[in-house]
């Protein structure tokens, strides 16, 4: 028969052991979810950087070869964005593609506005800081 103090010691040891096990399980799943979030964020960062660099080939200061490369890469990046981009960025990317299509006869101001919206949405997705679109400057016009 166990004394009261022995029972109390066994209770403390078993509760401590169970706390360690539960804490370890919680930490494992939390770190796994954090690691997944970090990987997605890294993929988005790379994708958004590629999109921005590719769009530079559409400005009027770009040469013909840059434009041709940008056209071929843009569709590939759009397919990647359908998998990795946030919903807001994908919606802005679709809008931007609609606006740069020459068949839609959109004004240069409208195209510039959509470009700024796309850049702001990509930045806000990665940094989670809200950026004012008036802070985005374009050097040249998107043609």
N, C-alpha and C. Protein backbone atom coordinates (compact mmCIF):
# COMPACT_ATOMS: atom_id res chain seq x y z
N UNK A 1 0.84 -1.18 0.00
CA UNK A 1 0.00 0.00 0.00
C UNK A 1 0.89 1.25 0.00
N UNK A 2 0.54 2.19 -0.89
CA UNK A 2 1.32 3.41 -1.02
C UNK A 2 0.86 4.44 0.00
N UNK A 3 1.82 5.16 0.50
CA UNK A 3 1.47 6.24 1.41
C UNK A 3 0.99 7.43 0.58
N UNK A 4 0.48 8.42 1.29
CA UNK A 4 -0.04 9.61 0.62
C UNK A 4 1.07 10.33 -0.13
N UNK A 5 2.23 10.45 0.47
CA UNK A 5 3.35 11.16 -0.18
C UNK A 5 3.85 10.39 -1.40
N UNK A 6 3.87 9.08 -1.34
CA UNK A 6 4.28 8.28 -2.50
C UNK A 6 3.27 8.43 -3.64
N UNK A 7 1.99 8.43 -3.30
CA UNK A 7 0.94 8.62 -4.31
C UNK A 7 1.06 9.99 -4.96
N UNK A 8 1.37 10.98 -4.13
CA UNK A 8 1.52 12.34 -4.65
C UNK A 8 2.72 12.43 -5.60
N UNK A 9 3.83 11.80 -5.26
CA UNK A 9 5.02 11.79 -6.11
C UNK A 9 4.73 11.09 -7.44
N UNK A 10 4.05 9.98 -7.41
CA UNK A 10 3.70 9.25 -8.63
C UNK A 10 2.77 10.09 -9.51
N UNK A 11 1.83 10.80 -8.90
CA UNK A 11 0.91 11.66 -9.65
C UNK A 11 1.68 12.79 -10.34
N UNK A 12 2.63 13.40 -9.62
CA UNK A 12 3.42 14.48 -10.21
C UNK A 12 4.29 13.97 -11.35
N UNK A 13 4.90 12.83 -11.18
CA UNK A 13 5.76 12.27 -12.22
C UNK A 13 4.94 11.91 -13.46
N UNK A 14 3.80 11.28 -13.28
CA UNK A 14 2.99 10.89 -14.43
C UNK A 14 2.39 12.10 -15.13
N UNK A 15 1.99 13.12 -14.37
CA UNK A 15 1.45 14.33 -15.02
C UNK A 15 2.56 15.08 -15.75
N UNK A 16 3.76 15.09 -15.20
CA UNK A 16 4.89 15.73 -15.87
C UNK A 16 5.26 15.02 -17.15
N UNK A 17 5.25 13.69 -17.11
CA UNK A 17 5.56 12.90 -18.29
C UNK A 17 4.50 13.11 -19.38
N UNK A 18 3.24 13.11 -19.00
CA UNK A 18 2.18 13.32 -19.99
C UNK A 18 2.24 14.74 -20.56
N UNK A 19 2.62 15.72 -19.73
CA UNK A 19 2.78 17.09 -20.23
C UNK A 19 3.90 17.17 -21.25
N UNK A 20 4.98 16.45 -21.01
CA UNK A 20 6.09 16.43 -21.97
C UNK A 20 5.67 15.83 -23.30
N UNK A 21 4.94 14.74 -23.24
CA UNK A 21 4.49 14.07 -24.46
C UNK A 21 3.53 14.97 -25.24
N UNK A 22 2.55 15.54 -24.56
CA UNK A 22 1.58 16.41 -25.22
C UNK A 22 2.27 17.66 -25.77
N UNK A 23 3.17 18.25 -25.00
CA UNK A 23 3.92 19.42 -25.46
C UNK A 23 4.78 19.11 -26.67
N UNK A 24 5.39 17.94 -26.67
CA UNK A 24 6.21 17.54 -27.82
C UNK A 24 5.39 17.36 -29.07
N UNK A 25 4.23 16.74 -28.93
CA UNK A 25 3.34 16.55 -30.08
C UNK A 25 2.86 17.90 -30.62
N UNK A 26 2.46 18.78 -29.71
CA UNK A 26 2.00 20.11 -30.12
C UNK A 26 3.11 20.87 -30.84
N UNK A 27 4.32 20.84 -30.30
CA UNK A 27 5.46 21.53 -30.92
C UNK A 27 5.76 20.96 -32.30
N UNK A 28 5.70 19.65 -32.43
CA UNK A 28 5.98 19.01 -33.72
C UNK A 28 5.01 19.50 -34.79
N UNK A 29 3.70 19.47 -34.49
CA UNK A 29 2.72 19.88 -35.49
C UNK A 29 2.77 21.38 -35.76
N UNK A 30 3.05 22.17 -34.74
CA UNK A 30 3.17 23.61 -34.94
C UNK A 30 4.36 23.92 -35.85
N UNK A 31 5.50 23.28 -35.60
CA UNK A 31 6.68 23.50 -36.44
C UNK A 31 6.47 23.00 -37.86
N UNK A 32 5.74 21.90 -38.02
CA UNK A 32 5.45 21.37 -39.34
C UNK A 32 4.59 22.35 -40.13
N UNK A 33 3.58 22.92 -39.47
CA UNK A 33 2.72 23.89 -40.13
C UNK A 33 3.49 25.17 -40.45
N UNK A 34 4.35 25.61 -39.53
CA UNK A 34 5.16 26.80 -39.76
C UNK A 34 6.12 26.58 -40.92
N UNK A 35 6.72 25.41 -40.98
CA UNK A 35 7.64 25.08 -42.07
C UNK A 35 6.91 25.10 -43.41
N UNK A 36 5.71 24.57 -43.46
CA UNK A 36 4.91 24.56 -44.69
C UNK A 36 4.59 25.99 -45.11
N UNK A 37 4.20 26.82 -44.15
CA UNK A 37 3.90 28.22 -44.44
C UNK A 37 5.13 28.94 -44.99
N UNK A 38 6.29 28.70 -44.38
CA UNK A 38 7.53 29.33 -44.85
C UNK A 38 7.88 28.88 -46.26
N UNK A 39 7.65 27.62 -46.60
CA UNK A 39 7.94 27.13 -47.95
C UNK A 39 7.02 27.78 -48.97
N UNK A 40 5.75 27.90 -48.64
CA UNK A 40 4.79 28.54 -49.55
C UNK A 40 5.17 30.00 -49.74
N UNK A 41 5.54 30.66 -48.65
CA UNK A 41 5.93 32.07 -48.74
C UNK A 41 7.18 32.24 -49.60
N UNK A 42 8.13 31.33 -49.49
CA UNK A 42 9.35 31.39 -50.30
C UNK A 42 9.01 31.16 -51.78
N UNK A 43 8.13 30.21 -52.08
CA UNK A 43 7.72 29.97 -53.47
C UNK A 43 7.03 31.20 -54.05
N UNK A 44 6.16 31.81 -53.24
CA UNK A 44 5.47 33.02 -53.71
C UNK A 44 6.45 34.15 -53.96
N UNK A 45 7.43 34.29 -53.08
CA UNK A 45 8.43 35.35 -53.25
C UNK A 45 9.18 35.17 -54.56
N UNK A 46 9.60 33.95 -54.85
CA UNK A 46 10.31 33.68 -56.11
C UNK A 46 9.41 33.93 -57.31
N UNK A 47 8.16 33.46 -57.24
CA UNK A 47 7.22 33.64 -58.34
C UNK A 47 6.95 35.11 -58.60
N UNK A 48 6.68 35.87 -57.55
CA UNK A 48 6.36 37.28 -57.71
C UNK A 48 7.55 38.07 -58.24
N UNK A 49 8.75 37.69 -57.84
CA UNK A 49 9.95 38.35 -58.37
C UNK A 49 10.09 38.05 -59.86
N UNK A 50 9.85 36.80 -60.25
CA UNK A 50 9.92 36.44 -61.68
C UNK A 50 8.86 37.18 -62.49
N UNK A 51 7.66 37.30 -61.93
CA UNK A 51 6.59 38.02 -62.65
C UNK A 51 7.01 39.47 -62.86
N UNK A 52 7.50 40.10 -61.82
CA UNK A 52 7.89 41.50 -61.93
C UNK A 52 9.03 41.68 -62.93
N UNK A 53 10.00 40.80 -62.90
CA UNK A 53 11.12 40.88 -63.85
C UNK A 53 10.63 40.64 -65.29
N UNK A 54 9.72 39.70 -65.46
CA UNK A 54 9.19 39.41 -66.80
C UNK A 54 8.37 40.58 -67.34
N UNK A 55 7.62 41.23 -66.47
CA UNK A 55 6.81 42.36 -66.91
C UNK A 55 7.67 43.54 -67.34
N UNK A 56 8.91 43.59 -66.88
CA UNK A 56 9.80 44.68 -67.31
C UNK A 56 10.06 44.62 -68.81
N UNK A 57 9.88 43.46 -69.42
CA UNK A 57 10.06 43.32 -70.86
C UNK A 57 8.93 43.94 -71.67
N UNK A 58 7.87 44.34 -71.02
CA UNK A 58 6.74 44.95 -71.74
C UNK A 58 6.79 46.48 -71.74
N UNK A 59 7.73 47.06 -71.03
CA UNK A 59 7.83 48.51 -71.02
C UNK A 59 8.45 48.99 -72.32
N UNK A 60 8.15 50.22 -72.69
CA UNK A 60 8.63 50.75 -73.96
C UNK A 60 10.15 50.96 -73.97
N UNK A 61 10.81 50.87 -72.83
CA UNK A 61 12.26 51.01 -72.79
C UNK A 61 12.97 49.67 -73.06
N UNK A 62 12.20 48.59 -73.17
CA UNK A 62 12.78 47.25 -73.43
C UNK A 62 13.02 47.07 -74.92
N UNK A 63 14.03 46.28 -75.25
CA UNK A 63 14.31 46.02 -76.66
C UNK A 63 13.43 44.86 -77.15
N UNK A 64 13.51 44.58 -78.43
CA UNK A 64 12.65 43.57 -79.06
C UNK A 64 12.87 42.18 -78.47
N UNK A 65 14.12 41.81 -78.23
CA UNK A 65 14.42 40.47 -77.70
C UNK A 65 13.83 40.29 -76.30
N UNK A 66 13.93 41.34 -75.48
CA UNK A 66 13.35 41.26 -74.14
C UNK A 66 11.83 41.08 -74.20
N UNK A 67 11.20 41.76 -75.13
CA UNK A 67 9.76 41.62 -75.28
C UNK A 67 9.36 40.20 -75.68
N UNK A 68 10.09 39.64 -76.61
CA UNK A 68 9.78 38.28 -77.07
C UNK A 68 9.96 37.27 -75.92
N UNK A 69 11.04 37.40 -75.17
CA UNK A 69 11.26 36.52 -74.02
C UNK A 69 10.16 36.70 -72.98
N UNK A 70 9.76 37.93 -72.75
CA UNK A 70 8.73 38.21 -71.76
C UNK A 70 7.39 37.60 -72.17
N UNK A 71 7.08 37.67 -73.44
CA UNK A 71 5.81 37.08 -73.91
C UNK A 71 5.78 35.58 -73.67
N UNK A 72 6.86 34.92 -73.97
CA UNK A 72 6.87 33.46 -73.81
C UNK A 72 6.89 33.06 -72.33
N UNK A 73 7.56 33.84 -71.50
CA UNK A 73 7.63 33.50 -70.08
C UNK A 73 6.35 33.85 -69.32
N UNK A 74 5.61 34.84 -69.81
CA UNK A 74 4.44 35.31 -69.08
C UNK A 74 3.38 34.23 -68.94
N UNK A 75 3.13 33.46 -69.98
CA UNK A 75 2.13 32.40 -69.88
C UNK A 75 2.57 31.29 -68.92
N UNK A 76 3.86 30.98 -68.94
CA UNK A 76 4.39 30.00 -67.99
C UNK A 76 4.22 30.49 -66.55
N UNK A 77 4.51 31.75 -66.32
CA UNK A 77 4.36 32.31 -64.98
C UNK A 77 2.89 32.38 -64.56
N UNK A 78 2.02 32.61 -65.52
CA UNK A 78 0.59 32.62 -65.20
C UNK A 78 0.14 31.24 -64.74
N UNK A 79 0.62 30.20 -65.40
CA UNK A 79 0.27 28.83 -64.96
C UNK A 79 0.82 28.54 -63.57
N UNK A 80 2.05 28.97 -63.30
CA UNK A 80 2.62 28.80 -61.96
C UNK A 80 1.81 29.57 -60.92
N UNK A 81 1.38 30.75 -61.28
CA UNK A 81 0.64 31.57 -60.31
C UNK A 81 -0.71 30.95 -59.97
N UNK A 82 -1.27 30.17 -60.88
CA UNK A 82 -2.53 29.50 -60.58
C UNK A 82 -2.37 28.49 -59.44
N UNK A 83 -1.15 28.02 -59.24
CA UNK A 83 -0.89 27.06 -58.17
C UNK A 83 -0.39 27.76 -56.91
N UNK A 84 0.56 28.70 -57.04
CA UNK A 84 1.26 29.24 -55.89
C UNK A 84 0.79 30.60 -55.41
N UNK A 85 0.19 31.39 -56.27
CA UNK A 85 -0.18 32.76 -55.88
C UNK A 85 -1.39 32.77 -54.97
N UNK A 86 -1.49 33.83 -54.19
CA UNK A 86 -2.68 34.00 -53.36
C UNK A 86 -3.86 34.34 -54.26
N UNK A 87 -5.04 34.23 -53.72
CA UNK A 87 -6.25 34.49 -54.51
C UNK A 87 -6.28 35.94 -55.02
N UNK A 88 -5.89 36.87 -54.16
CA UNK A 88 -5.89 38.28 -54.55
C UNK A 88 -4.89 38.55 -55.67
N UNK A 89 -3.71 37.97 -55.57
CA UNK A 89 -2.69 38.18 -56.60
C UNK A 89 -3.12 37.54 -57.92
N UNK A 90 -3.69 36.36 -57.86
CA UNK A 90 -4.15 35.70 -59.08
C UNK A 90 -5.24 36.52 -59.76
N UNK A 91 -6.14 37.06 -58.99
CA UNK A 91 -7.20 37.91 -59.56
C UNK A 91 -6.60 39.15 -60.21
N UNK A 92 -5.63 39.80 -59.55
CA UNK A 92 -4.99 40.98 -60.11
C UNK A 92 -4.17 40.64 -61.36
N UNK A 93 -3.53 39.47 -61.34
CA UNK A 93 -2.75 39.04 -62.50
C UNK A 93 -3.67 38.82 -63.70
N UNK A 94 -4.80 38.18 -63.48
CA UNK A 94 -5.77 37.98 -64.56
C UNK A 94 -6.27 39.31 -65.10
N UNK A 95 -6.57 40.25 -64.20
CA UNK A 95 -7.01 41.58 -64.63
C UNK A 95 -5.93 42.27 -65.45
N UNK A 96 -4.70 42.17 -64.99
CA UNK A 96 -3.60 42.81 -65.70
C UNK A 96 -3.43 42.22 -67.09
N UNK A 97 -3.49 40.90 -67.20
CA UNK A 97 -3.38 40.27 -68.53
C UNK A 97 -4.49 40.73 -69.46
N UNK A 98 -5.68 40.91 -68.91
CA UNK A 98 -6.80 41.42 -69.71
C UNK A 98 -6.48 42.84 -70.19
N UNK A 99 -5.90 43.65 -69.32
CA UNK A 99 -5.64 45.05 -69.67
C UNK A 99 -4.50 45.20 -70.67
N UNK A 100 -3.50 44.31 -70.66
CA UNK A 100 -2.41 44.48 -71.63
C UNK A 100 -2.71 43.82 -72.96
N UNK A 101 -3.80 43.09 -73.06
CA UNK A 101 -4.19 42.50 -74.34
C UNK A 101 -4.59 43.64 -75.28
N UNK A 102 -3.92 43.73 -76.41
CA UNK A 102 -4.15 44.83 -77.34
C UNK A 102 -5.56 44.82 -77.91
N UNK A 103 -6.21 43.68 -77.92
CA UNK A 103 -7.57 43.58 -78.47
C UNK A 103 -8.60 44.28 -77.59
N UNK A 104 -8.25 44.57 -76.34
CA UNK A 104 -9.21 45.18 -75.43
C UNK A 104 -9.18 46.70 -75.44
N UNK A 105 -8.23 47.30 -76.17
CA UNK A 105 -8.15 48.75 -76.35
C UNK A 105 -8.24 49.53 -75.03
N UNK A 106 -7.43 49.17 -74.06
CA UNK A 106 -7.42 49.87 -72.78
C UNK A 106 -6.41 51.02 -72.87
N UNK A 107 -6.71 52.10 -72.15
CA UNK A 107 -5.82 53.26 -72.16
C UNK A 107 -4.53 52.96 -71.39
N UNK A 108 -3.51 53.76 -71.65
CA UNK A 108 -2.23 53.58 -70.97
C UNK A 108 -2.38 53.81 -69.47
N UNK A 109 -3.21 54.77 -69.08
CA UNK A 109 -3.43 55.02 -67.65
C UNK A 109 -4.08 53.82 -66.98
N UNK A 110 -5.01 53.17 -67.66
CA UNK A 110 -5.67 52.00 -67.10
C UNK A 110 -4.69 50.84 -66.94
N UNK A 111 -3.81 50.67 -67.93
CA UNK A 111 -2.80 49.61 -67.84
C UNK A 111 -1.84 49.89 -66.69
N UNK A 112 -1.39 51.15 -66.57
CA UNK A 112 -0.49 51.51 -65.47
C UNK A 112 -1.15 51.28 -64.11
N UNK A 113 -2.42 51.60 -64.03
CA UNK A 113 -3.15 51.41 -62.77
C UNK A 113 -3.23 49.92 -62.41
N UNK A 114 -3.51 49.08 -63.39
CA UNK A 114 -3.57 47.64 -63.13
C UNK A 114 -2.20 47.07 -62.77
N UNK A 115 -1.16 47.61 -63.41
CA UNK A 115 0.21 47.19 -63.07
C UNK A 115 0.50 47.50 -61.59
N UNK A 116 0.17 48.70 -61.19
CA UNK A 116 0.40 49.09 -59.79
C UNK A 116 -0.40 48.19 -58.84
N UNK A 117 -1.63 47.91 -59.18
CA UNK A 117 -2.45 47.03 -58.33
C UNK A 117 -1.83 45.65 -58.20
N UNK A 118 -1.30 45.13 -59.31
CA UNK A 118 -0.66 43.81 -59.28
C UNK A 118 0.58 43.82 -58.38
N UNK A 119 1.42 44.83 -58.53
CA UNK A 119 2.63 44.92 -57.71
C UNK A 119 2.27 45.06 -56.24
N UNK A 120 1.30 45.89 -55.93
CA UNK A 120 0.88 46.09 -54.53
C UNK A 120 0.31 44.80 -53.95
N UNK A 121 -0.49 44.08 -54.72
CA UNK A 121 -1.06 42.84 -54.20
C UNK A 121 0.01 41.78 -53.96
N UNK A 122 1.03 41.71 -54.83
CA UNK A 122 2.11 40.76 -54.62
C UNK A 122 2.92 41.13 -53.37
N UNK A 123 3.21 42.39 -53.23
CA UNK A 123 3.98 42.83 -52.06
C UNK A 123 3.19 42.61 -50.77
N UNK A 124 1.91 42.95 -50.78
CA UNK A 124 1.09 42.76 -49.59
C UNK A 124 0.96 41.29 -49.21
N UNK A 125 0.95 40.42 -50.19
CA UNK A 125 0.86 38.98 -49.92
C UNK A 125 2.12 38.49 -49.20
N UNK A 126 3.26 38.97 -49.62
CA UNK A 126 4.52 38.49 -49.03
C UNK A 126 4.80 39.15 -47.69
N UNK A 127 4.65 40.46 -47.61
CA UNK A 127 5.05 41.18 -46.40
C UNK A 127 3.92 41.35 -45.40
N UNK A 128 2.69 41.19 -45.83
CA UNK A 128 1.51 41.40 -45.01
C UNK A 128 1.44 42.83 -44.48
N UNK A 129 2.16 43.74 -45.14
CA UNK A 129 2.07 45.17 -44.86
C UNK A 129 1.35 45.81 -46.02
N UNK A 130 0.45 46.69 -45.72
CA UNK A 130 -0.31 47.34 -46.78
C UNK A 130 0.52 48.48 -47.37
N UNK A 131 0.69 48.43 -48.68
CA UNK A 131 1.46 49.43 -49.41
C UNK A 131 0.50 50.23 -50.27
N UNK A 132 0.67 51.52 -50.27
CA UNK A 132 -0.16 52.40 -51.09
C UNK A 132 0.32 52.33 -52.53
N UNK A 133 -0.61 52.15 -53.47
CA UNK A 133 -0.22 52.01 -54.87
C UNK A 133 0.40 53.27 -55.45
N UNK A 134 0.23 54.41 -54.78
CA UNK A 134 0.86 55.64 -55.27
C UNK A 134 2.38 55.60 -55.07
N UNK A 135 2.87 54.66 -54.28
CA UNK A 135 4.32 54.53 -54.04
C UNK A 135 5.02 53.73 -55.13
N UNK A 136 4.26 53.12 -56.06
CA UNK A 136 4.83 52.33 -57.14
C UNK A 136 5.00 53.23 -58.35
N UNK A 137 6.23 53.32 -58.84
CA UNK A 137 6.53 54.16 -60.00
C UNK A 137 6.90 53.27 -61.18
N UNK A 138 6.47 53.66 -62.35
CA UNK A 138 6.85 52.95 -63.56
C UNK A 138 7.78 53.84 -64.36
N UNK A 139 8.84 53.25 -64.85
CA UNK A 139 9.79 53.98 -65.69
C UNK A 139 9.50 53.59 -67.13
N UNK A 140 8.69 54.37 -67.78
CA UNK A 140 8.27 54.06 -69.13
C UNK A 140 6.81 53.64 -69.14
N UNK A 141 6.34 53.23 -70.30
CA UNK A 141 4.97 52.78 -70.46
C UNK A 141 4.96 51.33 -70.85
N UNK A 142 3.92 50.62 -70.41
CA UNK A 142 3.75 49.23 -70.79
C UNK A 142 3.10 49.19 -72.15
N UNK A 143 3.78 48.56 -73.08
CA UNK A 143 3.27 48.51 -74.47
C UNK A 143 2.97 47.08 -74.86
